[in-house]
Amino acid sequence: MEQQKLRELLETLHKELEQVDSVDKNTVAVLTNLREDISKLVSDDVGAMHENESLMQRMSEAVDHFEAGHPKLSMTIQHVLDSLANMGF
């Protein structure tokens, strides 16, 4: 159940990332990293997350980065982090 919810959140996050239009150099880097991280989460076994704390850190930093300019995106990233935490990551 949790993995299905996580996949749905990741799909929502991916769609929201595609809608970000005004970006600076730093935002481009954050978006690129998030897209790569989402691809890893969707395609890999979620259990591999235990080995990648930096991915969780990057997602947490993305929440802060998008909080002011893209609050909906920031909230979705936070929901993904919360779901991962509920799964024990």
N, C-alpha and C. Protein backbone atom coordinates (compact mmCIF):
# COMPACT_ATOMS: atom_id res chain seq x y z
N MET A 1 0.82 -1.20 0.00
CA MET A 1 0.00 0.00 0.00
C MET A 1 0.86 1.26 0.00
N GLU A 2 1.84 1.29 0.89
CA GLU A 2 2.72 2.47 0.98
C GLU A 2 3.50 2.67 -0.32
N GLN A 3 3.97 1.57 -0.92
CA GLN A 3 4.73 1.71 -2.17
C GLN A 3 3.85 2.24 -3.29
N GLN A 4 2.59 1.82 -3.33
CA GLN A 4 1.67 2.33 -4.35
C GLN A 4 1.45 3.82 -4.14
N LYS A 5 1.25 4.24 -2.89
CA LYS A 5 1.06 5.65 -2.59
C LYS A 5 2.30 6.45 -2.99
N LEU A 6 3.47 5.89 -2.70
CA LEU A 6 4.72 6.56 -3.06
C LEU A 6 4.83 6.72 -4.57
N ARG A 7 4.52 5.69 -5.31
CA ARG A 7 4.57 5.78 -6.77
C ARG A 7 3.61 6.84 -7.30
N GLU A 8 2.42 6.91 -6.73
CA GLU A 8 1.46 7.93 -7.15
C GLU A 8 1.98 9.33 -6.85
N LEU A 9 2.59 9.50 -5.67
CA LEU A 9 3.17 10.80 -5.33
C LEU A 9 4.32 11.15 -6.27
N LEU A 10 5.13 10.18 -6.61
CA LEU A 10 6.25 10.42 -7.52
C LEU A 10 5.76 10.82 -8.90
N GLU A 11 4.68 10.19 -9.35
CA GLU A 11 4.10 10.57 -10.65
C GLU A 11 3.57 12.01 -10.60
N THR A 12 2.90 12.36 -9.50
CA THR A 12 2.40 13.72 -9.33
C THR A 12 3.56 14.71 -9.31
N LEU A 13 4.60 14.37 -8.56
CA LEU A 13 5.78 15.23 -8.49
C LEU A 13 6.41 15.42 -9.85
N HIS A 14 6.52 14.35 -10.60
CA HIS A 14 7.11 14.44 -11.94
C HIS A 14 6.30 15.39 -12.82
N LYS A 15 4.98 15.30 -12.75
CA LYS A 15 4.13 16.19 -13.55
C LYS A 15 4.31 17.65 -13.13
N GLU A 16 4.42 17.88 -11.83
CA GLU A 16 4.60 19.24 -11.34
C GLU A 16 5.96 19.80 -11.73
N LEU A 17 6.97 18.95 -11.75
CA LEU A 17 8.31 19.39 -12.18
C LEU A 17 8.29 19.85 -13.62
N GLU A 18 7.50 19.19 -14.44
CA GLU A 18 7.41 19.55 -15.85
C GLU A 18 6.75 20.92 -16.04
N GLN A 19 5.99 21.37 -15.06
CA GLN A 19 5.27 22.64 -15.18
C GLN A 19 6.08 23.84 -14.71
N VAL A 20 7.23 23.61 -14.10
CA VAL A 20 8.07 24.73 -13.63
C VAL A 20 8.65 25.41 -14.87
N ASP A 21 8.36 26.70 -15.01
CA ASP A 21 8.78 27.39 -16.22
C ASP A 21 9.87 28.44 -15.98
N SER A 22 9.79 29.21 -14.94
CA SER A 22 10.80 30.24 -14.72
C SER A 22 11.91 29.67 -13.83
N VAL A 23 13.06 29.51 -14.43
CA VAL A 23 14.16 28.88 -13.69
C VAL A 23 15.46 29.65 -13.87
N ASP A 24 16.24 29.67 -12.81
CA ASP A 24 17.59 30.19 -12.88
C ASP A 24 18.55 28.99 -12.91
N LYS A 25 19.83 29.26 -12.93
CA LYS A 25 20.82 28.18 -13.02
C LYS A 25 20.70 27.21 -11.86
N ASN A 26 20.53 27.72 -10.67
CA ASN A 26 20.43 26.88 -9.48
C ASN A 26 19.17 26.01 -9.55
N THR A 27 18.07 26.58 -10.00
CA THR A 27 16.83 25.82 -10.11
C THR A 27 16.94 24.72 -11.15
N VAL A 28 17.63 25.00 -12.24
CA VAL A 28 17.86 23.98 -13.26
C VAL A 28 18.59 22.79 -12.65
N ALA A 29 19.60 23.06 -11.83
CA ALA A 29 20.35 21.98 -11.19
C ALA A 29 19.46 21.19 -10.23
N VAL A 30 18.66 21.88 -9.45
CA VAL A 30 17.75 21.21 -8.51
C VAL A 30 16.75 20.35 -9.27
N LEU A 31 16.17 20.90 -10.34
CA LEU A 31 15.20 20.15 -11.14
C LEU A 31 15.83 18.92 -11.77
N THR A 32 17.03 19.08 -12.31
CA THR A 32 17.73 17.96 -12.92
C THR A 32 17.96 16.84 -11.91
N ASN A 33 18.44 17.20 -10.73
CA ASN A 33 18.68 16.20 -9.69
C ASN A 33 17.38 15.51 -9.27
N LEU A 34 16.31 16.30 -9.10
CA LEU A 34 15.03 15.71 -8.71
C LEU A 34 14.52 14.74 -9.77
N ARG A 35 14.61 15.12 -11.02
CA ARG A 35 14.15 14.22 -12.09
C ARG A 35 14.93 12.91 -12.06
N GLU A 36 16.25 13.01 -11.89
CA GLU A 36 17.07 11.80 -11.82
C GLU A 36 16.71 10.96 -10.60
N ASP A 37 16.50 11.62 -9.47
CA ASP A 37 16.14 10.90 -8.24
C ASP A 37 14.79 10.21 -8.38
N ILE A 38 13.84 10.89 -9.00
CA ILE A 38 12.52 10.30 -9.20
C ILE A 38 12.62 9.07 -10.10
N SER A 39 13.42 9.19 -11.15
CA SER A 39 13.60 8.04 -12.05
C SER A 39 14.18 6.85 -11.29
N LYS A 40 15.14 7.12 -10.41
CA LYS A 40 15.73 6.04 -9.61
C LYS A 40 14.69 5.42 -8.69
N LEU A 41 13.89 6.26 -8.04
CA LEU A 41 12.89 5.75 -7.12
C LEU A 41 11.83 4.91 -7.83
N VAL A 42 11.43 5.35 -9.01
CA VAL A 42 10.38 4.65 -9.74
C VAL A 42 10.92 3.34 -10.34
N SER A 43 12.13 3.37 -10.86
CA SER A 43 12.64 2.19 -11.56
C SER A 43 13.35 1.19 -10.65
N ASP A 44 13.94 1.66 -9.56
CA ASP A 44 14.67 0.76 -8.67
C ASP A 44 13.76 0.20 -7.60
N ASP A 45 14.29 -0.80 -6.93
CA ASP A 45 13.61 -1.32 -5.75
C ASP A 45 13.66 -0.23 -4.68
N VAL A 46 12.54 0.08 -4.09
CA VAL A 46 12.48 1.15 -3.09
C VAL A 46 13.42 0.82 -1.93
N GLY A 47 13.70 -0.43 -1.71
CA GLY A 47 14.61 -0.83 -0.65
C GLY A 47 16.01 -0.27 -0.83
N ALA A 48 16.37 0.08 -2.04
CA ALA A 48 17.69 0.66 -2.31
C ALA A 48 17.84 2.04 -1.69
N MET A 49 16.72 2.63 -1.27
CA MET A 49 16.77 3.96 -0.65
C MET A 49 17.60 3.97 0.62
N HIS A 50 17.63 2.85 1.32
CA HIS A 50 18.40 2.78 2.56
C HIS A 50 19.87 3.13 2.30
N GLU A 51 20.33 2.85 1.10
CA GLU A 51 21.73 3.06 0.76
C GLU A 51 22.01 4.47 0.27
N ASN A 52 20.99 5.29 0.08
CA ASN A 52 21.22 6.58 -0.54
C ASN A 52 20.63 7.72 0.29
N GLU A 53 21.30 8.05 1.37
CA GLU A 53 20.84 9.15 2.21
C GLU A 53 20.99 10.49 1.50
N SER A 54 21.93 10.59 0.57
CA SER A 54 22.11 11.85 -0.14
C SER A 54 20.88 12.20 -0.98
N LEU A 55 20.18 11.19 -1.47
CA LEU A 55 18.97 11.44 -2.23
C LEU A 55 17.93 12.10 -1.33
N MET A 56 17.78 11.60 -0.12
CA MET A 56 16.84 12.19 0.83
C MET A 56 17.25 13.62 1.16
N GLN A 57 18.53 13.85 1.31
CA GLN A 57 19.04 15.19 1.61
C GLN A 57 18.74 16.15 0.45
N ARG A 58 18.96 15.69 -0.78
CA ARG A 58 18.69 16.54 -1.94
C ARG A 58 17.21 16.88 -2.04
N MET A 59 16.36 15.91 -1.74
CA MET A 59 14.93 16.18 -1.79
C MET A 59 14.53 17.17 -0.70
N SER A 60 15.13 17.04 0.46
CA SER A 60 14.85 17.98 1.55
C SER A 60 15.30 19.39 1.18
N GLU A 61 16.45 19.50 0.55
CA GLU A 61 16.94 20.81 0.09
C GLU A 61 16.03 21.38 -0.99
N ALA A 62 15.47 20.50 -1.83
CA ALA A 62 14.55 20.96 -2.88
C ALA A 62 13.28 21.55 -2.27
N VAL A 63 12.82 20.96 -1.17
CA VAL A 63 11.65 21.50 -0.48
C VAL A 63 11.92 22.96 -0.12
N ASP A 64 13.08 23.21 0.47
CA ASP A 64 13.43 24.57 0.87
C ASP A 64 13.58 25.48 -0.35
N HIS A 65 14.18 24.96 -1.41
CA HIS A 65 14.44 25.77 -2.61
C HIS A 65 13.14 26.24 -3.26
N PHE A 66 12.15 25.37 -3.33
CA PHE A 66 10.91 25.68 -4.04
C PHE A 66 9.83 26.27 -3.15
N GLU A 67 10.06 26.35 -1.86
CA GLU A 67 9.02 26.76 -0.92
C GLU A 67 8.39 28.11 -1.25
N ALA A 68 9.19 29.10 -1.57
CA ALA A 68 8.66 30.44 -1.82
C ALA A 68 8.03 30.56 -3.22
N GLY A 69 8.73 30.11 -4.23
CA GLY A 69 8.29 30.32 -5.60
C GLY A 69 7.33 29.28 -6.14
N HIS A 70 7.38 28.08 -5.60
CA HIS A 70 6.54 26.98 -6.08
C HIS A 70 6.05 26.16 -4.90
N PRO A 71 5.16 26.74 -4.09
CA PRO A 71 4.73 26.06 -2.86
C PRO A 71 4.05 24.71 -3.09
N LYS A 72 3.31 24.56 -4.17
CA LYS A 72 2.65 23.27 -4.44
C LYS A 72 3.70 22.19 -4.72
N LEU A 73 4.71 22.54 -5.48
CA LEU A 73 5.79 21.60 -5.77
C LEU A 73 6.53 21.24 -4.49
N SER A 74 6.82 22.23 -3.69
CA SER A 74 7.50 22.01 -2.42
C SER A 74 6.69 21.07 -1.52
N MET A 75 5.38 21.28 -1.48
CA MET A 75 4.51 20.45 -0.66
C MET A 75 4.49 19.00 -1.17
N THR A 76 4.50 18.81 -2.47
CA THR A 76 4.50 17.46 -3.03
C THR A 76 5.80 16.74 -2.71
N ILE A 77 6.92 17.45 -2.81
CA ILE A 77 8.20 16.85 -2.45
C ILE A 77 8.19 16.44 -0.98
N GLN A 78 7.62 17.30 -0.14
CA GLN A 78 7.53 16.99 1.29
C GLN A 78 6.67 15.75 1.52
N HIS A 79 5.59 15.61 0.77
CA HIS A 79 4.74 14.42 0.89
C HIS A 79 5.52 13.15 0.52
N VAL A 80 6.35 13.24 -0.51
CA VAL A 80 7.19 12.10 -0.89
C VAL A 80 8.13 11.76 0.26
N LEU A 81 8.77 12.77 0.83
CA LEU A 81 9.68 12.54 1.96
C LEU A 81 8.95 11.93 3.14
N ASP A 82 7.74 12.42 3.42
CA ASP A 82 6.95 11.87 4.51
C ASP A 82 6.59 10.41 4.28
N SER A 83 6.23 10.09 3.03
CA SER A 83 5.90 8.70 2.70
C SER A 83 7.12 7.79 2.87
N LEU A 84 8.26 8.27 2.44
CA LEU A 84 9.49 7.49 2.61
C LEU A 84 9.80 7.29 4.10
N ALA A 85 9.58 8.33 4.89
CA ALA A 85 9.82 8.22 6.33
C ALA A 85 8.86 7.21 6.95
N ASN A 86 7.60 7.22 6.51
CA ASN A 86 6.62 6.26 7.02
C ASN A 86 6.99 4.82 6.66
N MET A 87 7.74 4.68 5.57
CA MET A 87 8.16 3.35 5.14
C MET A 87 9.45 2.93 5.82
N GLY A 88 9.99 3.81 6.66
CA GLY A 88 11.19 3.46 7.42
C GLY A 88 12.50 3.91 6.80
N PHE A 89 12.44 4.85 5.89
CA PHE A 89 13.67 5.35 5.25
C PHE A 89 14.17 6.59 5.92
